[in-house]
Amino acid sequence: MKKKPYLSKMESEDFYFFEESLQACKGDFSTFFASLKNEYLKEDLAKIYSYLFKNIRNVDFLDTLIREIDTLRDKNNLDDLIDFLLEFNADSFDKDDFSAYINLRVLCLKAISNYKDTKAITPVLYCLNNKNEHYKARLAAAEALGKIGDKNAVESLINVVSDEEEKSVYVRESAAAALGMIGDMRAIDPFLSILEAKKNFLDKFTFLKERVIEALGKFNMPYNKRVFLALKEALMDDSPQVRLNAVESLMNLAIDSGGEHIEAFELIKNMMKDTDEEVARNSVTALYNISGAEILYEILKDENAPLHCKDEAQNILKEELLEEDGDE
């Protein structure tokens, strides 16, 4: 089927055609968009989507439209997403649609992040730093900044993660995760300051500690004694997830040092005795990633090694053999 060429300029009567098609689909917006994709060339769909974005205020329709824009990912629609983020507020919709409106903002931010275009940094930062913004949108903004990966966002993200007066600890967690994704070394000192804070303070924010420990493992950095000591301390944390993240971060520290960080290796080896089976199993995987298959055979021969650690070692060796057979 030959597809229709798109008109160079949309006229008012052309919009009425789309409006009539929308009414005819009776809320089945997926069918409406399937029809558009069937009838129009891909390069023209972005123009149609832009026109619809500016003229339709039905939240269900916009939800589907933003998803279609995210799928198409034409650079010309990025401005439409940014305009929606900055110019439209809850007053543009019925009060009953407020929750749906917030979800649209979150969806919009996720779509923006997939472009990985630095032109979006300023508007997304505005959303993150606006404390009147709904926390779900601010979470999505922090995540978007991490995904875009531009270092111009680092200072603002550090301010958020370090702000003890921030009402939403979830926003601080997302900012920490974003900093880990960006990998800028300026985040190290703020992270360590959080971990070195009074214990009773951090006990209230276990998830923040988890995100910070996890983020530290994403930095490709030479040996840092302060980082090492913070991770060593985290291995004794009450939270299994904190201990698990510390194991992974210590693994990355050892790998980044060329596998020569003996103390980190020994600390991870000792974590095979952890009371949490997942932590213990992940310690086996970490040891393997640092030093290779030899450590797995040592674990299998060790009479004192926990059975679930031997089981994990055996599973890794089986996977290794399958990969070798597949390469032949």
C-alpha atoms as a PDB file:
ATOM      1  CA  MET A   1       0.000   0.000   0.000  1.00  0.00           C
ATOM      2  CA  LYS A   2       1.382   3.366  -1.021  1.00  0.00           C
ATOM      3  CA  LYS A   3       1.441   5.793   1.901  1.00  0.00           C
ATOM      4  CA  LYS A   4       0.070   9.312   1.716  1.00  0.00           C
ATOM      5  CA  PRO A   5       2.456  12.233   1.464  1.00  0.00           C
ATOM      6  CA  TYR A   6       1.961  14.639   4.354  1.00  0.00           C
ATOM      7  CA  LEU A   7       0.788  18.175   3.592  1.00  0.00           C
ATOM      8  CA  SER A   8       3.579  20.740   3.916  1.00  0.00           C
ATOM      9  CA  LYS A   9       1.400  22.848   6.188  1.00  0.00           C
ATOM     10  CA  MET A  10      -1.479  21.753   8.349  1.00  0.00           C
ATOM     11  CA  GLU A  11      -4.653  23.720   7.773  1.00  0.00           C
ATOM     12  CA  SER A  12      -7.553  23.912  10.225  1.00  0.00           C
ATOM     13  CA  GLU A  13      -9.685  21.598   8.122  1.00  0.00           C
ATOM     14  CA  ASP A  14      -6.915  18.986   8.246  1.00  0.00           C
ATOM     15  CA  PHE A  15      -7.106  18.965  12.019  1.00  0.00           C
ATOM     16  CA  TYR A  16     -10.850  18.389  11.831  1.00  0.00           C
ATOM     17  CA  PHE A  17     -10.104  15.253   9.844  1.00  0.00           C
ATOM     18  CA  PHE A  18      -7.950  13.925  12.685  1.00  0.00           C
ATOM     19  CA  GLU A  19     -10.552  15.023  15.223  1.00  0.00           C
ATOM     20  CA  GLU A  20     -13.257  13.104  13.365  1.00  0.00           C
ATOM     21  CA  SER A  21     -11.002  10.047  13.202  1.00  0.00           C
ATOM     22  CA  LEU A  22     -10.435  10.296  16.943  1.00  0.00           C
ATOM     23  CA  GLN A  23     -14.157  10.470  17.624  1.00  0.00           C
ATOM     24  CA  ALA A  24     -14.759   7.517  15.347  1.00  0.00           C
ATOM     25  CA  CYS A  25     -12.256   5.348  17.216  1.00  0.00           C
ATOM     26  CA  LYS A  26     -14.265   5.868  20.456  1.00  0.00           C
ATOM     27  CA  GLY A  27     -11.281   5.928  22.771  1.00  0.00           C
ATOM     28  CA  ASP A  28      -9.403   3.143  21.015  1.00  0.00           C
ATOM     29  CA  PHE A  29      -6.343   5.324  20.505  1.00  0.00           C
ATOM     30  CA  SER A  30      -4.033   2.428  19.654  1.00  0.00           C
ATOM     31  CA  THR A  31      -6.184   1.771  16.569  1.00  0.00           C
ATOM     32  CA  PHE A  32      -6.070   5.466  15.674  1.00  0.00           C
ATOM     33  CA  PHE A  33      -2.263   5.534  15.778  1.00  0.00           C
ATOM     34  CA  ALA A  34      -1.992   2.220  13.951  1.00  0.00           C
ATOM     35  CA  SER A  35      -4.028   3.789  11.172  1.00  0.00           C
ATOM     36  CA  LEU A  36      -1.746   6.856  11.070  1.00  0.00           C
ATOM     37  CA  LYS A  37       1.362   4.672  10.879  1.00  0.00           C
ATOM     38  CA  ASN A  38      -0.228   2.661   8.112  1.00  0.00           C
ATOM     39  CA  GLU A  39      -1.241   5.679   6.048  1.00  0.00           C
ATOM     40  CA  TYR A  40       1.642   8.138   6.471  1.00  0.00           C
ATOM     41  CA  LEU A  41       5.360   8.067   5.872  1.00  0.00           C
ATOM     42  CA  LYS A  42       7.534   7.829   8.987  1.00  0.00           C
ATOM     43  CA  GLU A  43       9.175  11.212   8.411  1.00  0.00           C
ATOM     44  CA  ASP A  44       5.740  12.849   8.316  1.00  0.00           C
ATOM     45  CA  LEU A  45       4.387  11.189  11.447  1.00  0.00           C
ATOM     46  CA  ALA A  46       6.510  13.502  13.626  1.00  0.00           C
ATOM     47  CA  LYS A  47       4.752  16.539  12.106  1.00  0.00           C
ATOM     48  CA  ILE A  48       1.340  14.994  12.698  1.00  0.00           C
ATOM     49  CA  TYR A  49       2.262  14.044  16.277  1.00  0.00           C
ATOM     50  CA  SER A  50       3.452  17.592  16.915  1.00  0.00           C
ATOM     51  CA  TYR A  51       0.177  19.017  15.672  1.00  0.00           C
ATOM     52  CA  LEU A  52      -1.864  16.629  17.803  1.00  0.00           C
ATOM     53  CA  PHE A  53       0.283  17.358  20.868  1.00  0.00           C
ATOM     54  CA  LYS A  54      -0.565  21.040  20.601  1.00  0.00           C
ATOM     55  CA  ASN A  55      -4.300  20.559  20.113  1.00  0.00           C
ATOM     56  CA  ILE A  56      -5.500  17.616  22.200  1.00  0.00           C
ATOM     57  CA  ARG A  57      -5.862  17.785  25.993  1.00  0.00           C
ATOM     58  CA  ASN A  58      -7.363  14.378  26.671  1.00  0.00           C
ATOM     59  CA  VAL A  59      -5.041  12.674  29.174  1.00  0.00           C
ATOM     60  CA  ASP A  60      -5.614   9.150  27.842  1.00  0.00           C
ATOM     61  CA  PHE A  61      -4.887  10.317  24.315  1.00  0.00           C
ATOM     62  CA  LEU A  62      -1.741  12.174  25.438  1.00  0.00           C
ATOM     63  CA  ASP A  63      -0.536   9.097  27.289  1.00  0.00           C
ATOM     64  CA  THR A  64      -0.693   7.096  24.061  1.00  0.00           C
ATOM     65  CA  LEU A  65       0.731   9.967  22.014  1.00  0.00           C
ATOM     66  CA  ILE A  66       3.788  10.381  24.246  1.00  0.00           C
ATOM     67  CA  ARG A  67       4.438   6.644  24.027  1.00  0.00           C
ATOM     68  CA  GLU A  68       4.189   6.812  20.228  1.00  0.00           C
ATOM     69  CA  ILE A  69       6.579   9.783  20.162  1.00  0.00           C
ATOM     70  CA  ASP A  70       8.985   7.823  22.347  1.00  0.00           C
ATOM     71  CA  THR A  71       8.802   4.899  19.930  1.00  0.00           C
ATOM     72  CA  LEU A  72       9.262   7.085  16.841  1.00  0.00           C
ATOM     73  CA  ARG A  73      11.943   9.196  18.565  1.00  0.00           C
ATOM     74  CA  ASP A  74      12.129  11.822  15.854  1.00  0.00           C
ATOM     75  CA  LYS A  75      14.327  14.729  16.982  1.00  0.00           C
ATOM     76  CA  ASN A  76      11.642  17.224  15.908  1.00  0.00           C
ATOM     77  CA  ASN A  77       9.298  15.968  18.649  1.00  0.00           C
ATOM     78  CA  LEU A  78      11.794  16.610  21.454  1.00  0.00           C
ATOM     79  CA  ASP A  79      10.771  20.275  21.533  1.00  0.00           C
ATOM     80  CA  ASP A  80       7.128  19.217  21.888  1.00  0.00           C
ATOM     81  CA  LEU A  81       7.983  17.122  24.928  1.00  0.00           C
ATOM     82  CA  ILE A  82      10.034  19.937  26.482  1.00  0.00           C
ATOM     83  CA  ASP A  83       7.259  22.471  25.824  1.00  0.00           C
ATOM     84  CA  PHE A  84       4.738  20.191  27.501  1.00  0.00           C
ATOM     85  CA  LEU A  85       7.028  19.774  30.504  1.00  0.00           C
ATOM     86  CA  LEU A  86       7.549  23.537  30.938  1.00  0.00           C
ATOM     87  CA  GLU A  87       4.329  25.169  29.774  1.00  0.00           C
ATOM     88  CA  PHE A  88       1.472  22.949  30.854  1.00  0.00           C
ATOM     89  CA  ASN A  89       0.406  22.515  34.440  1.00  0.00           C
ATOM     90  CA  ALA A  90      -2.407  20.811  36.284  1.00  0.00           C
ATOM     91  CA  ASP A  91      -4.686  23.806  35.662  1.00  0.00           C
ATOM     92  CA  SER A  92      -4.787  22.766  32.004  1.00  0.00           C
ATOM     93  CA  PHE A  93      -6.723  19.628  32.970  1.00  0.00           C
ATOM     94  CA  ASP A  94      -9.799  18.689  34.978  1.00  0.00           C
ATOM     95  CA  LYS A  95      -9.180  18.256  38.711  1.00  0.00           C
ATOM     96  CA  ASP A  96     -10.247  14.630  38.398  1.00  0.00           C
ATOM     97  CA  ASP A  97      -7.362  14.108  35.978  1.00  0.00           C
ATOM     98  CA  PHE A  98      -4.619  15.383  38.336  1.00  0.00           C
ATOM     99  CA  SER A  99      -3.139  11.950  39.037  1.00  0.00           C
ATOM    100  CA  ALA A 100      -3.181  11.132  35.324  1.00  0.00           C
ATOM    101  CA  TYR A 101      -1.541  14.504  34.624  1.00  0.00           C
ATOM    102  CA  ILE A 102       1.337  13.656  36.981  1.00  0.00           C
ATOM    103  CA  ASN A 103       1.763  10.331  35.213  1.00  0.00           C
ATOM    104  CA  LEU A 104       1.939  12.215  31.908  1.00  0.00           C
ATOM    105  CA  ARG A 105       4.783  14.351  33.241  1.00  0.00           C
ATOM    106  CA  VAL A 106       6.639  11.236  34.352  1.00  0.00           C
ATOM    107  CA  LEU A 107       6.061   9.606  30.970  1.00  0.00           C
ATOM    108  CA  CYS A 108       7.198  12.791  29.234  1.00  0.00           C
ATOM    109  CA  LEU A 109      10.444  12.883  31.243  1.00  0.00           C
ATOM    110  CA  LYS A 110      11.161   9.252  30.427  1.00  0.00           C
ATOM    111  CA  ALA A 111      10.614   9.940  26.728  1.00  0.00           C
ATOM    112  CA  ILE A 112      12.899  13.001  26.920  1.00  0.00           C
ATOM    113  CA  SER A 113      15.647  10.949  28.565  1.00  0.00           C
ATOM    114  CA  ASN A 114      15.632   8.453  25.687  1.00  0.00           C
ATOM    115  CA  TYR A 115      16.739  11.168  23.280  1.00  0.00           C
ATOM    116  CA  LYS A 116      19.934  11.627  25.332  1.00  0.00           C
ATOM    117  CA  ASP A 117      20.080  15.186  24.019  1.00  0.00           C
ATOM    118  CA  THR A 118      21.853  17.787  26.156  1.00  0.00           C
ATOM    119  CA  LYS A 119      19.367  20.486  25.093  1.00  0.00           C
ATOM    120  CA  ALA A 120      16.957  18.859  27.553  1.00  0.00           C
ATOM    121  CA  ILE A 121      19.247  19.349  30.572  1.00  0.00           C
ATOM    122  CA  THR A 122      18.013  22.820  31.573  1.00  0.00           C
ATOM    123  CA  PRO A 123      14.248  22.056  31.495  1.00  0.00           C
ATOM    124  CA  VAL A 124      14.738  18.724  33.260  1.00  0.00           C
ATOM    125  CA  LEU A 125      16.865  20.427  35.925  1.00  0.00           C
ATOM    126  CA  TYR A 126      14.088  22.975  36.377  1.00  0.00           C
ATOM    127  CA  CYS A 127      11.695  20.123  37.089  1.00  0.00           C
ATOM    128  CA  LEU A 128      14.113  18.461  39.524  1.00  0.00           C
ATOM    129  CA  ASN A 129      14.866  21.657  41.455  1.00  0.00           C
ATOM    130  CA  ASN A 130      11.244  22.815  41.676  1.00  0.00           C
ATOM    131  CA  LYS A 131      10.176  21.692  45.157  1.00  0.00           C
ATOM    132  CA  ASN A 132       6.551  22.440  44.282  1.00  0.00           C
ATOM    133  CA  GLU A 133       6.757  19.761  41.611  1.00  0.00           C
ATOM    134  CA  HIS A 134       5.213  16.392  42.476  1.00  0.00           C
ATOM    135  CA  TYR A 135       7.852  14.039  43.861  1.00  0.00           C
ATOM    136  CA  LYS A 136       7.120  11.409  41.165  1.00  0.00           C
ATOM    137  CA  ALA A 137       8.068  13.906  38.459  1.00  0.00           C
ATOM    138  CA  ARG A 138      11.202  14.908  40.361  1.00  0.00           C
ATOM    139  CA  LEU A 139      12.188  11.232  40.637  1.00  0.00           C
ATOM    140  CA  ALA A 140      11.746  10.881  36.884  1.00  0.00           C
ATOM    141  CA  ALA A 141      13.738  14.093  36.323  1.00  0.00           C
ATOM    142  CA  ALA A 142      16.697  12.789  38.335  1.00  0.00           C
ATOM    143  CA  GLU A 143      16.568   9.484  36.471  1.00  0.00           C
ATOM    144  CA  ALA A 144      16.414  11.336  33.145  1.00  0.00           C
ATOM    145  CA  LEU A 145      19.494  13.390  34.014  1.00  0.00           C
ATOM    146  CA  GLY A 146      21.404  10.214  34.799  1.00  0.00           C
ATOM    147  CA  LYS A 147      20.329   8.625  31.545  1.00  0.00           C
ATOM    148  CA  ILE A 148      21.249  11.686  29.476  1.00  0.00           C
ATOM    149  CA  GLY A 149      24.616  11.598  31.229  1.00  0.00           C
ATOM    150  CA  ASP A 150      25.654  15.218  30.856  1.00  0.00           C
ATOM    151  CA  LYS A 151      28.081  16.520  33.490  1.00  0.00           C
ATOM    152  CA  ASN A 152      26.356  19.905  33.548  1.00  0.00           C
ATOM    153  CA  ALA A 153      23.720  18.247  35.729  1.00  0.00           C
ATOM    154  CA  VAL A 154      26.205  17.043  38.348  1.00  0.00           C
ATOM    155  CA  GLU A 155      26.258  20.107  40.604  1.00  0.00           C
ATOM    156  CA  SER A 156      22.464  20.235  40.911  1.00  0.00           C
ATOM    157  CA  LEU A 157      22.272  16.495  41.558  1.00  0.00           C
ATOM    158  CA  ILE A 158      24.919  16.806  44.280  1.00  0.00           C
ATOM    159  CA  ASN A 159      22.920  19.605  45.890  1.00  0.00           C
ATOM    160  CA  VAL A 160      19.828  17.402  45.938  1.00  0.00           C
ATOM    161  CA  VAL A 161      21.537  14.304  47.321  1.00  0.00           C
ATOM    162  CA  SER A 162      23.272  16.366  50.029  1.00  0.00           C
ATOM    163  CA  ASP A 163      20.189  18.332  51.070  1.00  0.00           C
ATOM    164  CA  GLU A 164      19.155  17.018  54.497  1.00  0.00           C
ATOM    165  CA  GLU A 165      16.102  19.283  54.397  1.00  0.00           C
ATOM    166  CA  GLU A 166      14.822  17.653  51.215  1.00  0.00           C
ATOM    167  CA  LYS A 167      11.335  16.390  52.055  1.00  0.00           C
ATOM    168  CA  SER A 168      11.499  13.364  49.768  1.00  0.00           C
ATOM    169  CA  VAL A 169      14.285  10.900  50.525  1.00  0.00           C
ATOM    170  CA  TYR A 170      13.227   9.130  47.306  1.00  0.00           C
ATOM    171  CA  VAL A 171      14.344  12.155  45.307  1.00  0.00           C
ATOM    172  CA  ARG A 172      17.717  12.047  47.064  1.00  0.00           C
ATOM    173  CA  GLU A 173      18.001   8.342  46.230  1.00  0.00           C
ATOM    174  CA  SER A 174      17.249   8.991  42.565  1.00  0.00           C
ATOM    175  CA  ALA A 175      19.791  11.823  42.485  1.00  0.00           C
ATOM    176  CA  ALA A 176      22.411   9.466  43.947  1.00  0.00           C
ATOM    177  CA  ALA A 177      21.623   6.833  41.312  1.00  0.00           C
ATOM    178  CA  ALA A 178      21.859   9.482  38.569  1.00  0.00           C
ATOM    179  CA  LEU A 179      25.276  10.602  39.804  1.00  0.00           C
ATOM    180  CA  GLY A 180      26.431   7.001  39.658  1.00  0.00           C
ATOM    181  CA  MET A 181      25.228   6.757  36.060  1.00  0.00           C
ATOM    182  CA  ILE A 182      27.077   9.951  35.090  1.00  0.00           C
ATOM    183  CA  GLY A 183      30.242   8.885  36.923  1.00  0.00           C
ATOM    184  CA  ASP A 184      31.638  12.332  37.648  1.00  0.00           C
ATOM    185  CA  MET A 185      34.266  12.243  40.405  1.00  0.00           C
ATOM    186  CA  ARG A 186      32.846  15.390  42.019  1.00  0.00           C
ATOM    187  CA  ALA A 187      30.168  13.185  43.566  1.00  0.00           C
ATOM    188  CA  ILE A 188      32.630  11.084  45.585  1.00  0.00           C
ATOM    189  CA  ASP A 189      33.123  13.462  48.516  1.00  0.00           C
ATOM    190  CA  PRO A 190      29.382  14.195  48.970  1.00  0.00           C
ATOM    191  CA  PHE A 191      28.676  10.460  48.866  1.00  0.00           C
ATOM    192  CA  LEU A 192      31.300   9.734  51.482  1.00  0.00           C
ATOM    193  CA  SER A 193      30.041  12.554  53.678  1.00  0.00           C
ATOM    194  CA  ILE A 194      26.619  10.900  53.677  1.00  0.00           C
ATOM    195  CA  LEU A 195      28.075   7.500  54.584  1.00  0.00           C
ATOM    196  CA  GLU A 196      30.247   9.002  57.319  1.00  0.00           C
ATOM    197  CA  ALA A 197      27.312  10.799  58.912  1.00  0.00           C
ATOM    198  CA  LYS A 198      26.072   9.730  62.324  1.00  0.00           C
ATOM    199  CA  LYS A 199      24.815   6.147  62.228  1.00  0.00           C
ATOM    200  CA  ASN A 200      21.402   6.937  63.695  1.00  0.00           C
ATOM    201  CA  PHE A 201      20.860   9.452  60.883  1.00  0.00           C
ATOM    202  CA  LEU A 202      21.553   6.908  58.135  1.00  0.00           C
ATOM    203  CA  ASP A 203      19.516   4.199  59.844  1.00  0.00           C
ATOM    204  CA  LYS A 204      16.449   6.287  59.013  1.00  0.00           C
ATOM    205  CA  PHE A 205      17.433   6.342  55.333  1.00  0.00           C
ATOM    206  CA  THR A 206      18.600   2.822  54.529  1.00  0.00           C
ATOM    207  CA  PHE A 207      17.517   3.102  50.897  1.00  0.00           C
ATOM    208  CA  LEU A 208      19.598   6.263  50.452  1.00  0.00           C
ATOM    209  CA  LYS A 209      22.605   4.376  51.808  1.00  0.00           C
ATOM    210  CA  GLU A 210      21.891   1.542  49.377  1.00  0.00           C
ATOM    211  CA  ARG A 211      21.829   3.919  46.411  1.00  0.00           C
ATOM    212  CA  VAL A 212      25.020   5.700  47.500  1.00  0.00           C
ATOM    213  CA  ILE A 213      26.930   2.426  47.988  1.00  0.00           C
ATOM    214  CA  GLU A 214      25.659   1.175  44.636  1.00  0.00           C
ATOM    215  CA  ALA A 215      26.624   4.427  42.912  1.00  0.00           C
ATOM    216  CA  LEU A 216      30.159   4.318  44.330  1.00  0.00           C
ATOM    217  CA  GLY A 217      30.680   1.042  42.513  1.00  0.00           C
ATOM    218  CA  LYS A 218      29.982   2.675  39.157  1.00  0.00           C
ATOM    219  CA  PHE A 219      32.945   5.056  39.286  1.00  0.00           C
ATOM    220  CA  ASN A 220      35.988   3.959  37.350  1.00  0.00           C
ATOM    221  CA  MET A 221      38.599   5.275  39.754  1.00  0.00           C
ATOM    222  CA  PRO A 222      41.989   4.360  41.174  1.00  0.00           C
ATOM    223  CA  TYR A 223      42.301   3.107  44.741  1.00  0.00           C
ATOM    224  CA  ASN A 224      40.820   5.551  47.212  1.00  0.00           C
ATOM    225  CA  LYS A 225      41.394   4.695  50.881  1.00  0.00           C
ATOM    226  CA  ARG A 226      38.395   6.710  52.074  1.00  0.00           C
ATOM    227  CA  VAL A 227      36.102   4.935  49.602  1.00  0.00           C
ATOM    228  CA  PHE A 228      37.552   1.563  50.576  1.00  0.00           C
ATOM    229  CA  LEU A 229      36.973   2.176  54.300  1.00  0.00           C
ATOM    230  CA  ALA A 230      33.389   3.307  53.671  1.00  0.00           C
ATOM    231  CA  LEU A 231      32.672   0.142  51.687  1.00  0.00           C
ATOM    232  CA  LYS A 232      34.370  -2.009  54.321  1.00  0.00           C
ATOM    233  CA  GLU A 233      32.118  -0.470  56.967  1.00  0.00           C
ATOM    234  CA  ALA A 234      29.072  -1.129  54.775  1.00  0.00           C
ATOM    235  CA  LEU A 235      29.858  -4.866  54.768  1.00  0.00           C
ATOM    236  CA  MET A 236      28.795  -4.910  58.432  1.00  0.00           C
ATOM    237  CA  ASP A 237      25.526  -3.057  57.857  1.00  0.00           C
ATOM    238  CA  ASP A 238      22.261  -4.487  59.172  1.00  0.00           C
ATOM    239  CA  SER A 239      20.697  -4.267  55.709  1.00  0.00           C
ATOM    240  CA  PRO A 240      21.449  -7.240  53.404  1.00  0.00           C
ATOM    241  CA  GLN A 241      20.954  -4.979  50.371  1.00  0.00           C
ATOM    242  CA  VAL A 242      23.577  -2.524  51.660  1.00  0.00           C
ATOM    243  CA  ARG A 243      25.995  -5.422  52.192  1.00  0.00           C
ATOM    244  CA  LEU A 244      25.231  -6.800  48.740  1.00  0.00           C
ATOM    245  CA  ASN A 245      25.838  -3.401  47.114  1.00  0.00           C
ATOM    246  CA  ALA A 246      29.078  -3.037  49.092  1.00  0.00           C
ATOM    247  CA  VAL A 247      30.290  -6.405  47.779  1.00  0.00           C
ATOM    248  CA  GLU A 248      29.613  -5.329  44.205  1.00  0.00           C
ATOM    249  CA  SER A 249      31.284  -1.951  44.697  1.00  0.00           C
ATOM    250  CA  LEU A 250      34.348  -3.564  46.292  1.00  0.00           C
ATOM    251  CA  MET A 251      34.457  -5.958  43.338  1.00  0.00           C
ATOM    252  CA  ASN A 252      34.564  -3.018  40.930  1.00  0.00           C
ATOM    253  CA  LEU A 253      37.258  -1.374  43.053  1.00  0.00           C
ATOM    254  CA  ALA A 254      39.372  -4.523  42.833  1.00  0.00           C
ATOM    255  CA  ILE A 255      38.791  -4.874  39.080  1.00  0.00           C
ATOM    256  CA  ASP A 256      39.666  -1.205  38.467  1.00  0.00           C
ATOM    257  CA  SER A 257      42.960  -1.775  40.295  1.00  0.00           C
ATOM    258  CA  GLY A 258      43.773  -4.636  37.946  1.00  0.00           C
ATOM    259  CA  GLY A 259      42.732  -7.283  40.460  1.00  0.00           C
ATOM    260  CA  GLU A 260      45.635  -6.361  42.721  1.00  0.00           C
ATOM    261  CA  HIS A 261      43.522  -5.030  45.583  1.00  0.00           C
ATOM    262  CA  ILE A 262      44.139  -8.022  47.847  1.00  0.00           C
ATOM    263  CA  GLU A 263      42.352  -6.603  50.878  1.00  0.00           C
ATOM    264  CA  ALA A 264      39.145  -6.020  48.913  1.00  0.00           C
ATOM    265  CA  PHE A 265      39.370  -9.575  47.557  1.00  0.00           C
ATOM    266  CA  GLU A 266      39.776 -11.034  51.048  1.00  0.00           C
ATOM    267  CA  LEU A 267      36.887  -8.993  52.440  1.00  0.00           C
ATOM    268  CA  ILE A 268      34.600 -10.280  49.692  1.00  0.00           C
ATOM    269  CA  LYS A 269      35.814 -13.833  50.267  1.00  0.00           C
ATOM    270  CA  ASN A 270      34.864 -13.514  53.918  1.00  0.00           C
ATOM    271  CA  MET A 271      31.329 -12.443  52.881  1.00  0.00           C
ATOM    272  CA  MET A 272      30.653 -16.012  51.701  1.00  0.00           C
ATOM    273  CA  LYS A 273      29.891 -16.602  55.399  1.00  0.00           C
ATOM    274  CA  ASP A 274      27.178 -13.930  55.401  1.00  0.00           C
ATOM    275  CA  THR A 275      23.905 -14.946  57.018  1.00  0.00           C
ATOM    276  CA  ASP A 276      22.004 -13.786  53.927  1.00  0.00           C
ATOM    277  CA  GLU A 277      22.260 -16.385  51.158  1.00  0.00           C
ATOM    278  CA  GLU A 278      21.949 -13.827  48.338  1.00  0.00           C
ATOM    279  CA  VAL A 279      24.864 -11.818  49.731  1.00  0.00           C
ATOM    280  CA  ALA A 280      26.942 -14.988  50.042  1.00  0.00           C
ATOM    281  CA  ARG A 281      26.142 -16.151  46.502  1.00  0.00           C
ATOM    282  CA  ASN A 282      26.912 -12.735  45.055  1.00  0.00           C
ATOM    283  CA  SER A 283      30.249 -12.805  46.861  1.00  0.00           C
ATOM    284  CA  VAL A 284      31.139 -15.931  44.884  1.00  0.00           C
ATOM    285  CA  THR A 285      30.217 -14.182  41.633  1.00  0.00           C
ATOM    286  CA  ALA A 286      32.271 -11.141  42.649  1.00  0.00           C
ATOM    287  CA  LEU A 287      35.332 -13.283  43.388  1.00  0.00           C
ATOM    288  CA  TYR A 288      34.974 -14.958  39.998  1.00  0.00           C
ATOM    289  CA  ASN A 289      34.703 -11.601  38.214  1.00  0.00           C
ATOM    290  CA  ILE A 290      37.889 -10.421  39.931  1.00  0.00           C
ATOM    291  CA  SER A 291      40.128 -13.462  39.536  1.00  0.00           C
ATOM    292  CA  GLY A 292      38.535 -15.956  37.148  1.00  0.00           C
ATOM    293  CA  ALA A 293      37.578 -19.637  37.422  1.00  0.00           C
ATOM    294  CA  GLU A 294      40.457 -20.665  39.665  1.00  0.00           C
ATOM    295  CA  ILE A 295      38.719 -19.277  42.764  1.00  0.00           C
ATOM    296  CA  LEU A 296      35.632 -21.361  41.955  1.00  0.00           C
ATOM    297  CA  TYR A 297      37.637 -24.587  42.110  1.00  0.00           C
ATOM    298  CA  GLU A 298      39.102 -23.439  45.430  1.00  0.00           C
ATOM    299  CA  ILE A 299      35.604 -22.893  46.807  1.00  0.00           C
ATOM    300  CA  LEU A 300      34.477 -26.343  45.641  1.00  0.00           C
ATOM    301  CA  LYS A 301      37.461 -27.938  47.434  1.00  0.00           C
ATOM    302  CA  ASP A 302      36.991 -25.909  50.619  1.00  0.00           C
ATOM    303  CA  GLU A 303      35.328 -28.125  53.258  1.00  0.00           C
ATOM    304  CA  ASN A 304      34.262 -25.034  55.218  1.00  0.00           C
ATOM    305  CA  ALA A 305      32.597 -23.220  52.302  1.00  0.00           C
ATOM    306  CA  PRO A 306      28.786 -22.995  52.661  1.00  0.00           C
ATOM    307  CA  LEU A 307      26.849 -25.381  50.417  1.00  0.00           C
ATOM    308  CA  HIS A 308      25.004 -22.557  48.641  1.00  0.00           C
ATOM    309  CA  CYS A 309      28.362 -20.948  47.789  1.00  0.00           C
ATOM    310  CA  LYS A 310      29.598 -24.231  46.316  1.00  0.00           C
ATOM    311  CA  ASP A 311      26.335 -24.465  44.405  1.00  0.00           C
ATOM    312  CA  GLU A 312      26.887 -20.952  43.011  1.00  0.00           C
ATOM    313  CA  ALA A 313      30.465 -21.816  42.031  1.00  0.00           C
ATOM    314  CA  GLN A 314      29.223 -24.928  40.239  1.00  0.00           C
ATOM    315  CA  ASN A 315      26.540 -22.960  38.383  1.00  0.00           C
ATOM    316  CA  ILE A 316      29.078 -20.393  37.152  1.00  0.00           C
ATOM    317  CA  LEU A 317      31.411 -23.149  35.921  1.00  0.00           C
ATOM    318  CA  LYS A 318      28.515 -24.789  34.045  1.00  0.00           C
ATOM    319  CA  GLU A 319      27.664 -21.481  32.378  1.00  0.00           C
ATOM    320  CA  GLU A 320      31.313 -21.011  31.447  1.00  0.00           C
ATOM    321  CA  LEU A 321      31.423 -24.456  29.803  1.00  0.00           C
ATOM    322  CA  LEU A 322      28.217 -23.761  27.870  1.00  0.00           C
ATOM    323  CA  GLU A 323      29.665 -20.499  26.567  1.00  0.00           C
ATOM    324  CA  GLU A 324      32.849 -22.277  25.489  1.00  0.00           C
ATOM    325  CA  ASP A 325      30.807 -24.937  23.647  1.00  0.00           C
ATOM    326  CA  GLY A 326      28.790 -22.190  21.947  1.00  0.00           C
ATOM    327  CA  ASP A 327      31.931 -20.465  20.703  1.00  0.00           C
ATOM    328  CA  GLU A 328      33.240 -23.608  19.018  1.00  0.00           C
END
